[in-house]
Amino acid sequence: MTDKEIVSTTNGVDQGSLRIDKWLWFARFVKSRSLATRLVEAARMRVNGTLTAKAHYAVRPGDVLTFPLGPNIRVIKVVALGARRGPATEAQGLYLDLDPPAPRDAGITDPSATAESGQRLTGSGRPTKRERREIDRLQGDD
């Protein structure tokens, strides 16, 4: 075995790639490696546009991953391979998020205008007593 082969491999594993299930776990997209394996084996993972269903698929820096996560489709570019599952700040350095920013609200720009229109921002919590009275007045529940 030459010096070049010793540098490029350790225990037969190529240092320029990592199993996709391990990388997803290192990058903290899933809570456990078994969940990462299930996500890949459900045939919903695309690597550079190619569908893969094998958890042992090797990802390399520069690969683009597309996969569903919750209600969203994530598009991620692999920037680095991890050596461990570290803290979130370390995990965020492993990838670049290529998703376009999600729209914050559906056309409602001024939160104070919600009572006049009868609409509330999603996730804004329960209306205050004042807002509730204004909503009731608008709906004719006076």
N, C-alpha and C. Protein backbone atom coordinates (compact mmCIF):
# COMPACT_ATOMS: atom_id res chain seq x y z
N MET A 1 0.85 -1.19 0.00
CA MET A 1 0.00 0.00 0.00
C MET A 1 0.89 1.24 0.00
N THR A 2 0.60 2.18 -0.86
CA THR A 2 1.43 3.38 -0.97
C THR A 2 0.99 4.42 0.05
N ASP A 3 1.82 5.45 0.21
CA ASP A 3 1.49 6.53 1.15
C ASP A 3 0.22 7.25 0.75
N LYS A 4 0.00 7.41 -0.56
CA LYS A 4 -1.20 8.10 -1.03
C LYS A 4 -2.47 7.34 -0.64
N GLU A 5 -2.42 6.00 -0.75
CA GLU A 5 -3.57 5.19 -0.38
C GLU A 5 -3.83 5.22 1.12
N ILE A 6 -2.76 5.32 1.91
CA ILE A 6 -2.91 5.38 3.36
C ILE A 6 -3.58 6.69 3.76
N VAL A 7 -3.23 7.78 3.10
CA VAL A 7 -3.81 9.08 3.42
C VAL A 7 -5.28 9.14 3.01
N SER A 8 -5.62 8.57 1.85
CA SER A 8 -6.99 8.70 1.34
C SER A 8 -7.98 7.74 1.99
N THR A 9 -7.49 6.67 2.61
CA THR A 9 -8.42 5.73 3.23
C THR A 9 -8.00 5.44 4.66
N THR A 10 -8.99 5.20 5.48
CA THR A 10 -8.76 4.75 6.85
C THR A 10 -9.74 3.63 7.11
N ASN A 11 -9.23 2.43 7.38
CA ASN A 11 -10.07 1.26 7.60
C ASN A 11 -10.97 0.98 6.39
N GLY A 12 -10.51 1.28 5.19
CA GLY A 12 -11.28 0.98 3.99
C GLY A 12 -12.38 1.99 3.69
N VAL A 13 -12.52 3.06 4.47
CA VAL A 13 -13.57 4.05 4.25
C VAL A 13 -12.96 5.29 3.61
N ASP A 14 -13.51 5.72 2.51
CA ASP A 14 -13.05 6.91 1.81
C ASP A 14 -13.31 8.14 2.67
N GLN A 15 -12.29 8.95 2.91
CA GLN A 15 -12.43 10.13 3.76
C GLN A 15 -13.15 11.28 3.05
N GLY A 16 -13.35 11.17 1.74
CA GLY A 16 -14.01 12.23 0.99
C GLY A 16 -15.52 12.06 0.90
N SER A 17 -16.06 11.05 1.57
CA SER A 17 -17.50 10.81 1.53
C SER A 17 -17.97 10.28 2.87
N LEU A 18 -19.29 10.30 3.05
CA LEU A 18 -19.90 9.83 4.29
C LEU A 18 -21.27 9.26 3.96
N ARG A 19 -21.69 8.24 4.69
CA ARG A 19 -23.03 7.68 4.49
C ARG A 19 -24.07 8.77 4.66
N ILE A 20 -25.09 8.74 3.82
CA ILE A 20 -26.11 9.78 3.85
C ILE A 20 -26.90 9.78 5.16
N ASP A 21 -27.17 8.60 5.72
CA ASP A 21 -27.90 8.56 6.98
C ASP A 21 -27.07 9.16 8.12
N LYS A 22 -25.78 8.89 8.12
CA LYS A 22 -24.91 9.47 9.15
C LYS A 22 -24.84 10.98 8.99
N TRP A 23 -24.72 11.46 7.75
CA TRP A 23 -24.60 12.90 7.53
C TRP A 23 -25.87 13.63 7.97
N LEU A 24 -27.04 13.07 7.65
CA LEU A 24 -28.30 13.68 8.09
C LEU A 24 -28.38 13.76 9.60
N TRP A 25 -27.86 12.74 10.27
CA TRP A 25 -27.86 12.72 11.73
C TRP A 25 -26.84 13.72 12.28
N PHE A 26 -25.64 13.76 11.70
CA PHE A 26 -24.62 14.72 12.12
C PHE A 26 -25.11 16.16 11.95
N ALA A 27 -25.83 16.41 10.84
CA ALA A 27 -26.30 17.77 10.53
C ALA A 27 -27.58 18.12 11.28
N ARG A 28 -28.07 17.19 12.11
CA ARG A 28 -29.21 17.41 13.00
C ARG A 28 -30.53 17.65 12.25
N PHE A 29 -30.72 16.99 11.11
CA PHE A 29 -32.00 17.06 10.42
C PHE A 29 -32.98 16.06 11.02
N VAL A 30 -32.44 15.00 11.64
CA VAL A 30 -33.25 13.99 12.30
C VAL A 30 -32.67 13.72 13.69
N LYS A 31 -33.51 13.20 14.58
CA LYS A 31 -33.09 13.00 15.96
C LYS A 31 -32.23 11.76 16.16
N SER A 32 -32.41 10.76 15.32
CA SER A 32 -31.63 9.54 15.49
C SER A 32 -31.20 9.01 14.12
N ARG A 33 -30.18 8.17 14.15
CA ARG A 33 -29.68 7.62 12.90
C ARG A 33 -30.69 6.66 12.29
N SER A 34 -31.46 5.97 13.12
CA SER A 34 -32.47 5.06 12.58
C SER A 34 -33.57 5.83 11.86
N LEU A 35 -33.91 7.03 12.36
CA LEU A 35 -34.89 7.87 11.66
C LEU A 35 -34.31 8.35 10.33
N ALA A 36 -33.02 8.63 10.31
CA ALA A 36 -32.37 9.04 9.06
C ALA A 36 -32.40 7.90 8.06
N THR A 37 -32.17 6.69 8.53
CA THR A 37 -32.21 5.52 7.65
C THR A 37 -33.61 5.34 7.08
N ARG A 38 -34.63 5.49 7.92
CA ARG A 38 -36.01 5.37 7.44
C ARG A 38 -36.36 6.44 6.42
N LEU A 39 -35.88 7.67 6.64
CA LEU A 39 -36.15 8.76 5.70
C LEU A 39 -35.56 8.45 4.33
N VAL A 40 -34.35 7.93 4.31
CA VAL A 40 -33.69 7.61 3.04
C VAL A 40 -34.35 6.40 2.39
N GLU A 41 -34.64 5.37 3.17
CA GLU A 41 -35.21 4.14 2.61
C GLU A 41 -36.66 4.30 2.17
N ALA A 42 -37.31 5.38 2.56
CA ALA A 42 -38.67 5.64 2.10
C ALA A 42 -38.68 6.15 0.66
N ALA A 43 -37.49 6.17 0.03
CA ALA A 43 -37.32 6.59 -1.37
C ALA A 43 -37.82 8.01 -1.61
N ARG A 44 -37.52 8.89 -0.67
CA ARG A 44 -37.90 10.29 -0.83
C ARG A 44 -36.69 11.19 -0.89
N MET A 45 -35.50 10.62 -0.86
CA MET A 45 -34.27 11.39 -0.84
C MET A 45 -33.70 11.49 -2.25
N ARG A 46 -33.36 12.71 -2.65
CA ARG A 46 -32.70 12.92 -3.93
C ARG A 46 -31.33 13.52 -3.68
N VAL A 47 -30.34 12.96 -4.34
CA VAL A 47 -28.98 13.48 -4.27
C VAL A 47 -28.61 13.92 -5.67
N ASN A 48 -28.39 15.21 -5.83
CA ASN A 48 -28.11 15.80 -7.14
C ASN A 48 -29.18 15.43 -8.16
N GLY A 49 -30.43 15.38 -7.71
CA GLY A 49 -31.55 15.10 -8.59
C GLY A 49 -31.83 13.64 -8.82
N THR A 50 -30.98 12.75 -8.31
CA THR A 50 -31.15 11.32 -8.49
C THR A 50 -31.79 10.72 -7.25
N LEU A 51 -32.87 9.99 -7.44
CA LEU A 51 -33.58 9.35 -6.33
C LEU A 51 -32.73 8.22 -5.77
N THR A 52 -32.61 8.18 -4.45
CA THR A 52 -31.87 7.10 -3.81
C THR A 52 -32.68 6.54 -2.64
N ALA A 53 -32.58 5.24 -2.44
CA ALA A 53 -33.28 4.60 -1.34
C ALA A 53 -32.31 3.79 -0.49
N LYS A 54 -31.03 4.06 -0.61
CA LYS A 54 -30.02 3.32 0.13
C LYS A 54 -29.38 4.22 1.18
N ALA A 55 -29.44 3.79 2.44
CA ALA A 55 -28.88 4.58 3.53
C ALA A 55 -27.36 4.64 3.46
N HIS A 56 -26.74 3.72 2.75
CA HIS A 56 -25.29 3.72 2.65
C HIS A 56 -24.77 4.56 1.48
N TYR A 57 -25.67 5.27 0.78
CA TYR A 57 -25.25 6.13 -0.32
C TYR A 57 -24.24 7.14 0.20
N ALA A 58 -23.16 7.35 -0.52
CA ALA A 58 -22.09 8.24 -0.07
C ALA A 58 -22.33 9.66 -0.57
N VAL A 59 -22.36 10.61 0.36
CA VAL A 59 -22.47 12.01 -0.01
C VAL A 59 -21.10 12.65 0.12
N ARG A 60 -20.87 13.66 -0.70
CA ARG A 60 -19.61 14.39 -0.71
C ARG A 60 -19.89 15.88 -0.66
N PRO A 61 -18.93 16.66 -0.22
CA PRO A 61 -19.14 18.12 -0.25
C PRO A 61 -19.46 18.57 -1.67
N GLY A 62 -20.47 19.42 -1.79
CA GLY A 62 -20.93 19.90 -3.09
C GLY A 62 -22.21 19.23 -3.56
N ASP A 63 -22.57 18.10 -2.96
CA ASP A 63 -23.81 17.42 -3.32
C ASP A 63 -25.01 18.24 -2.85
N VAL A 64 -26.10 18.18 -3.62
CA VAL A 64 -27.34 18.86 -3.26
C VAL A 64 -28.37 17.80 -2.90
N LEU A 65 -28.90 17.88 -1.68
CA LEU A 65 -29.89 16.93 -1.19
C LEU A 65 -31.26 17.58 -1.21
N THR A 66 -32.27 16.86 -1.67
CA THR A 66 -33.65 17.32 -1.67
C THR A 66 -34.47 16.24 -0.98
N PHE A 67 -35.17 16.63 0.10
CA PHE A 67 -35.95 15.66 0.85
C PHE A 67 -37.06 16.36 1.62
N PRO A 68 -38.16 15.63 1.87
CA PRO A 68 -39.24 16.22 2.67
C PRO A 68 -38.90 16.12 4.15
N LEU A 69 -39.20 17.19 4.87
CA LEU A 69 -38.99 17.20 6.32
C LEU A 69 -40.15 17.96 6.92
N GLY A 70 -41.07 17.22 7.54
CA GLY A 70 -42.28 17.84 8.05
C GLY A 70 -43.13 18.31 6.87
N PRO A 71 -43.69 19.52 6.95
CA PRO A 71 -44.53 20.00 5.86
C PRO A 71 -43.72 20.63 4.73
N ASN A 72 -42.41 20.72 4.86
CA ASN A 72 -41.56 21.42 3.89
C ASN A 72 -40.71 20.46 3.08
N ILE A 73 -40.30 20.91 1.90
CA ILE A 73 -39.32 20.20 1.10
C ILE A 73 -38.01 20.95 1.31
N ARG A 74 -36.99 20.26 1.80
CA ARG A 74 -35.71 20.91 2.09
C ARG A 74 -34.77 20.70 0.92
N VAL A 75 -34.05 21.75 0.55
CA VAL A 75 -33.02 21.68 -0.48
C VAL A 75 -31.73 22.15 0.20
N ILE A 76 -30.79 21.24 0.35
CA ILE A 76 -29.59 21.45 1.15
C ILE A 76 -28.36 21.15 0.31
N LYS A 77 -27.34 21.99 0.41
CA LYS A 77 -26.06 21.73 -0.24
C LYS A 77 -25.08 21.29 0.84
N VAL A 78 -24.44 20.15 0.64
CA VAL A 78 -23.47 19.63 1.60
C VAL A 78 -22.19 20.46 1.45
N VAL A 79 -21.78 21.12 2.53
CA VAL A 79 -20.57 21.95 2.51
C VAL A 79 -19.40 21.18 3.09
N ALA A 80 -19.66 20.42 4.16
CA ALA A 80 -18.59 19.67 4.81
C ALA A 80 -19.17 18.36 5.36
N LEU A 81 -18.27 17.43 5.61
CA LEU A 81 -18.65 16.17 6.23
C LEU A 81 -18.36 16.27 7.72
N GLY A 82 -19.23 15.75 8.52
CA GLY A 82 -19.02 15.82 9.96
C GLY A 82 -18.20 14.65 10.46
N ALA A 83 -17.58 14.85 11.61
CA ALA A 83 -16.85 13.78 12.25
C ALA A 83 -17.63 13.24 13.44
N ARG A 84 -18.62 14.03 13.89
CA ARG A 84 -19.43 13.63 15.04
C ARG A 84 -20.72 14.41 15.02
N ARG A 85 -21.65 14.02 15.87
CA ARG A 85 -22.90 14.78 16.04
C ARG A 85 -22.64 15.77 17.16
N GLY A 86 -22.26 16.96 16.78
CA GLY A 86 -21.91 17.98 17.75
C GLY A 86 -23.06 18.92 18.02
N PRO A 87 -22.75 20.08 18.61
CA PRO A 87 -23.79 21.06 18.89
C PRO A 87 -24.39 21.64 17.61
N ALA A 88 -25.52 22.30 17.76
CA ALA A 88 -26.25 22.83 16.60
C ALA A 88 -25.40 23.80 15.79
N THR A 89 -24.58 24.61 16.44
CA THR A 89 -23.74 25.56 15.70
C THR A 89 -22.74 24.83 14.81
N GLU A 90 -22.22 23.72 15.29
CA GLU A 90 -21.31 22.92 14.49
C GLU A 90 -22.05 22.25 13.34
N ALA A 91 -23.26 21.78 13.60
CA ALA A 91 -24.06 21.11 12.58
C ALA A 91 -24.45 22.08 11.46
N GLN A 92 -24.73 23.33 11.78
CA GLN A 92 -25.12 24.31 10.77
C GLN A 92 -23.99 24.63 9.81
N GLY A 93 -22.76 24.37 10.21
CA GLY A 93 -21.62 24.58 9.33
C GLY A 93 -21.43 23.47 8.31
N LEU A 94 -22.20 22.40 8.42
CA LEU A 94 -22.07 21.28 7.50
C LEU A 94 -22.85 21.46 6.21
N TYR A 95 -23.78 22.41 6.19
CA TYR A 95 -24.65 22.55 5.02
C TYR A 95 -24.98 24.02 4.75
N LEU A 96 -25.48 24.23 3.54
CA LEU A 96 -25.98 25.53 3.11
C LEU A 96 -27.43 25.31 2.68
N ASP A 97 -28.33 26.07 3.27
CA ASP A 97 -29.76 25.92 2.97
C ASP A 97 -30.08 26.67 1.69
N LEU A 98 -30.54 25.96 0.68
CA LEU A 98 -30.86 26.56 -0.61
C LEU A 98 -32.34 26.88 -0.77
N ASP A 99 -33.13 26.64 0.28
CA ASP A 99 -34.56 26.93 0.23
C ASP A 99 -34.80 28.42 0.12
N PRO A 100 -35.78 28.82 -0.69
CA PRO A 100 -36.14 30.24 -0.68
C PRO A 100 -36.81 30.56 0.64
N PRO A 101 -36.65 31.79 1.13
CA PRO A 101 -37.30 32.12 2.40
C PRO A 101 -38.82 32.01 2.27
N ALA A 102 -39.43 31.44 3.29
CA ALA A 102 -40.88 31.25 3.29
C ALA A 102 -41.57 32.59 3.50
N PRO A 103 -42.72 32.79 2.88
CA PRO A 103 -43.44 34.03 3.11
C PRO A 103 -43.87 34.11 4.57
N ARG A 104 -43.64 35.25 5.17
CA ARG A 104 -43.94 35.40 6.60
C ARG A 104 -45.43 35.45 6.85
N ASP A 105 -46.16 36.19 6.04
CA ASP A 105 -47.60 36.27 6.24
C ASP A 105 -48.28 36.38 4.88
N ALA A 106 -49.52 36.05 4.85
CA ALA A 106 -50.26 36.00 3.59
C ALA A 106 -50.84 37.35 3.24
N GLY A 107 -49.99 38.33 2.99
CA GLY A 107 -50.47 39.64 2.56
C GLY A 107 -50.77 40.60 3.69
N ILE A 108 -50.72 40.16 4.93
CA ILE A 108 -50.98 41.06 6.05
C ILE A 108 -49.65 41.64 6.48
N THR A 109 -49.47 42.93 6.30
CA THR A 109 -48.20 43.55 6.61
C THR A 109 -48.21 44.25 7.96
N ASP A 110 -49.33 44.79 8.36
CA ASP A 110 -49.42 45.54 9.60
C ASP A 110 -50.22 44.75 10.63
N PRO A 111 -49.57 44.28 11.71
CA PRO A 111 -50.30 43.49 12.71
C PRO A 111 -51.43 44.26 13.37
N SER A 112 -51.35 45.58 13.42
CA SER A 112 -52.43 46.35 14.04
C SER A 112 -53.67 46.39 13.14
N ALA A 113 -53.48 46.10 11.85
CA ALA A 113 -54.60 46.12 10.90
C ALA A 113 -55.39 44.82 10.92
N THR A 114 -54.97 43.84 11.72
CA THR A 114 -55.65 42.55 11.72
C THR A 114 -57.07 42.65 12.25
N ALA A 115 -57.29 43.51 13.22
CA ALA A 115 -58.64 43.62 13.79
C ALA A 115 -59.60 44.24 12.78
N GLU A 116 -59.14 45.19 11.96
CA GLU A 116 -60.01 45.82 10.97
C GLU A 116 -60.37 44.85 9.85
N SER A 117 -59.46 43.97 9.48
CA SER A 117 -59.74 43.05 8.39
C SER A 117 -60.38 41.75 8.87
N GLY A 118 -60.35 41.50 10.17
CA GLY A 118 -60.93 40.28 10.69
C GLY A 118 -59.99 39.10 10.56
N GLN A 119 -58.74 39.33 10.12
CA GLN A 119 -57.76 38.25 9.97
C GLN A 119 -56.67 38.41 11.01
N ARG A 120 -56.11 37.29 11.40
CA ARG A 120 -55.00 37.30 12.35
C ARG A 120 -53.81 36.59 11.72
N LEU A 121 -52.62 36.99 12.12
CA LEU A 121 -51.42 36.32 11.65
C LEU A 121 -51.37 34.92 12.24
N THR A 122 -50.94 33.98 11.44
CA THR A 122 -50.79 32.62 11.93
C THR A 122 -49.71 32.59 12.99
N GLY A 123 -50.02 31.96 14.11
CA GLY A 123 -49.05 31.85 15.18
C GLY A 123 -48.95 33.07 16.07
N SER A 124 -49.88 34.01 15.94
CA SER A 124 -49.81 35.23 16.74
C SER A 124 -50.47 35.07 18.10
N GLY A 125 -50.98 33.89 18.39
CA GLY A 125 -51.58 33.63 19.70
C GLY A 125 -53.03 34.04 19.76
N ARG A 126 -53.54 34.01 20.96
CA ARG A 126 -54.95 34.38 21.17
C ARG A 126 -55.11 35.89 21.08
N PRO A 127 -56.28 36.33 20.62
CA PRO A 127 -56.49 37.78 20.57
C PRO A 127 -56.63 38.36 21.98
N THR A 128 -56.23 39.60 22.11
CA THR A 128 -56.44 40.28 23.38
C THR A 128 -57.92 40.59 23.52
N LYS A 129 -58.30 41.07 24.70
CA LYS A 129 -59.70 41.39 24.95
C LYS A 129 -60.18 42.48 23.98
N ARG A 130 -59.33 43.46 23.76
CA ARG A 130 -59.67 44.56 22.85
C ARG A 130 -59.84 44.04 21.42
N GLU A 131 -58.87 43.20 20.96
CA GLU A 131 -58.96 42.64 19.62
C GLU A 131 -60.20 41.76 19.46
N ARG A 132 -60.53 41.02 20.49
CA ARG A 132 -61.71 40.15 20.44
C ARG A 132 -62.99 40.97 20.27
N ARG A 133 -63.08 42.10 20.99
CA ARG A 133 -64.25 42.97 20.86
C ARG A 133 -64.35 43.55 19.45
N GLU A 134 -63.19 43.94 18.88
CA GLU A 134 -63.19 44.49 17.52
C GLU A 134 -63.60 43.43 16.50
N ILE A 135 -63.14 42.21 16.69
CA ILE A 135 -63.51 41.12 15.79
C ILE A 135 -65.02 40.86 15.90
N ASP A 136 -65.54 40.84 17.14
CA ASP A 136 -66.96 40.61 17.33
C ASP A 136 -67.79 41.71 16.67
N ARG A 137 -67.32 42.98 16.77
CA ARG A 137 -68.03 44.10 16.14
C ARG A 137 -68.05 43.93 14.62
N LEU A 138 -66.93 43.49 14.05
CA LEU A 138 -66.86 43.30 12.61
C LEU A 138 -67.80 42.18 12.14
N GLN A 139 -67.90 41.15 12.93
CA GLN A 139 -68.73 40.02 12.55
C GLN A 139 -70.20 40.20 12.89
N GLY A 140 -70.49 41.28 13.56
CA GLY A 140 -71.88 41.58 13.89
C GLY A 140 -72.38 40.81 15.10
N ASP A 141 -71.49 40.36 15.96
CA ASP A 141 -71.87 39.62 17.16
C ASP A 141 -72.10 40.55 18.35
N ASP A 142 -72.28 41.81 18.12
CA ASP A 142 -72.40 42.82 19.17
C ASP A 142 -73.51 42.60 20.10
